[in-house]
Amino acid sequence: MKQYLLAVHTVEGEDPSPEEMEQAYNARPAARSLAHATRADLLRRLGSHEEAAEAYEAALALAGNAAERRFLRARRASLPNPDDLAGGRAEEAGELLLSTLG
């Protein structure tokens, strides 16, 4: 399911609905780390960096091995510092996320 959601986002430029993300999350409990990581990546691409950081933290908490944790830490570290989002960029990112999901 998560691969489908990411493929749709990448190829068609459509973001998955909250219902689709929930379905992917509940599909396989063992894959929840991947669902959080996928959500974090989509949020990062949309510019919603604070929410992406939270999703990366959730993925890290469930990561199954050291390689996954290294990758997730690197992705989280690549996000801009929240102080760098001053001047309304964080608000714009939130508006973009809302407009694409709803």
Protein backbone atom coordinates (compact mmCIF):
# COMPACT_ATOMS: atom_id res chain seq x y z
CA MET A 1 0.00 0.00 0.00
CA LYS A 2 2.72 2.50 0.92
CA GLN A 3 4.49 1.87 -2.38
CA TYR A 4 1.23 2.61 -4.21
CA LEU A 5 0.75 5.85 -2.28
CA LEU A 6 4.29 7.00 -2.98
CA ALA A 7 4.01 6.01 -6.65
CA VAL A 8 0.79 7.98 -7.07
CA HIS A 9 2.38 11.01 -5.42
CA THR A 10 5.54 10.79 -7.51
CA VAL A 11 4.01 9.99 -10.91
CA GLU A 12 0.71 11.83 -10.84
CA GLY A 13 1.59 14.56 -8.37
CA GLU A 14 -1.39 13.60 -6.21
CA ASP A 15 -1.02 13.32 -2.47
CA PRO A 16 -2.64 10.43 -0.65
CA SER A 17 -5.74 11.23 1.35
CA PRO A 18 -5.64 10.97 5.15
CA GLU A 19 -7.84 7.89 4.81
CA GLU A 20 -5.32 6.23 2.47
CA MET A 21 -2.48 7.04 4.88
CA GLU A 22 -4.47 5.54 7.76
CA GLN A 23 -5.21 2.42 5.71
CA ALA A 24 -1.51 2.03 4.88
CA TYR A 25 -0.62 2.50 8.54
CA ASN A 26 -3.05 -0.18 9.69
CA ALA A 27 -2.31 -2.66 6.89
CA ARG A 28 0.66 -4.32 8.60
CA PRO A 29 1.71 -3.43 12.13
CA ALA A 30 5.31 -4.44 11.35
CA ALA A 31 5.41 -1.85 8.56
CA ARG A 32 4.33 1.10 10.72
CA SER A 33 7.84 2.50 10.76
CA LEU A 34 7.73 2.58 6.96
CA ALA A 35 4.31 4.23 7.00
CA HIS A 36 5.65 6.99 9.27
CA ALA A 37 8.75 7.34 7.10
CA THR A 38 6.60 7.62 3.97
CA ARG A 39 4.40 10.23 5.62
CA ALA A 40 7.51 12.13 6.75
CA ASP A 41 8.90 12.14 3.22
CA LEU A 42 5.63 13.43 1.75
CA LEU A 43 5.44 16.17 4.39
CA ARG A 44 9.07 17.10 3.70
CA ARG A 45 8.34 17.38 -0.01
CA LEU A 46 5.35 19.59 0.75
CA GLY A 47 7.49 21.85 2.90
CA SER A 48 5.77 20.99 6.18
CA HIS A 49 9.07 20.47 7.94
CA GLU A 50 7.88 20.52 11.56
CA GLU A 51 5.31 17.80 10.90
CA ALA A 52 7.88 15.88 8.87
CA ALA A 53 10.28 15.99 11.82
CA GLU A 54 7.57 14.54 14.09
CA ALA A 55 6.84 11.77 11.58
CA TYR A 56 10.57 10.96 11.29
CA GLU A 57 10.73 10.71 15.10
CA ALA A 58 7.76 8.31 15.08
CA ALA A 59 9.47 6.22 12.39
CA LEU A 60 12.72 6.20 14.37
CA ALA A 61 10.90 4.92 17.45
CA LEU A 62 9.67 1.93 15.45
CA ALA A 63 12.68 1.34 13.18
CA GLY A 64 13.74 -2.28 13.07
CA ASN A 65 17.47 -1.99 12.48
CA ALA A 66 20.50 0.29 12.62
CA ALA A 67 20.50 1.01 8.87
CA GLU A 68 16.92 2.29 8.99
CA ARG A 69 17.74 4.44 12.02
CA ARG A 70 20.79 5.96 10.29
CA PHE A 71 18.74 6.76 7.19
CA LEU A 72 15.88 8.29 9.19
CA ARG A 73 18.25 10.35 11.37
CA ALA A 74 19.98 11.68 8.24
CA ARG A 75 16.64 12.62 6.67
CA ARG A 76 15.49 14.33 9.85
CA ALA A 77 18.79 16.18 10.13
CA SER A 78 18.41 17.43 6.56
CA LEU A 79 15.24 19.34 7.46
CA PRO A 80 15.59 23.09 7.93
CA ASN A 81 15.79 24.39 11.45
CA PRO A 82 12.35 25.67 12.54
CA ASP A 83 13.95 29.10 13.09
CA ASP A 84 14.81 29.14 9.36
CA LEU A 85 11.10 28.96 8.54
CA ALA A 86 10.39 32.48 9.80
CA GLY A 87 8.60 34.93 7.60
CA GLY A 88 5.47 32.88 6.96
CA ARG A 89 7.08 29.96 5.17
CA ALA A 90 5.85 27.52 7.83
CA GLU A 91 2.33 28.89 7.49
CA GLU A 92 2.54 28.61 3.69
CA ALA A 93 3.67 24.99 4.03
CA GLY A 94 0.71 24.23 6.28
CA GLU A 95 -1.67 25.84 3.83
CA LEU A 96 -0.14 23.83 0.98
CA LEU A 97 -0.55 20.60 2.94
CA LEU A 98 -4.17 21.39 3.73
CA SER A 99 -4.97 22.33 0.16
CA THR A 100 -3.44 19.14 -1.24
CA LEU A 101 -4.99 16.79 1.32
CA GLY A 102 -8.45 18.26 1.39
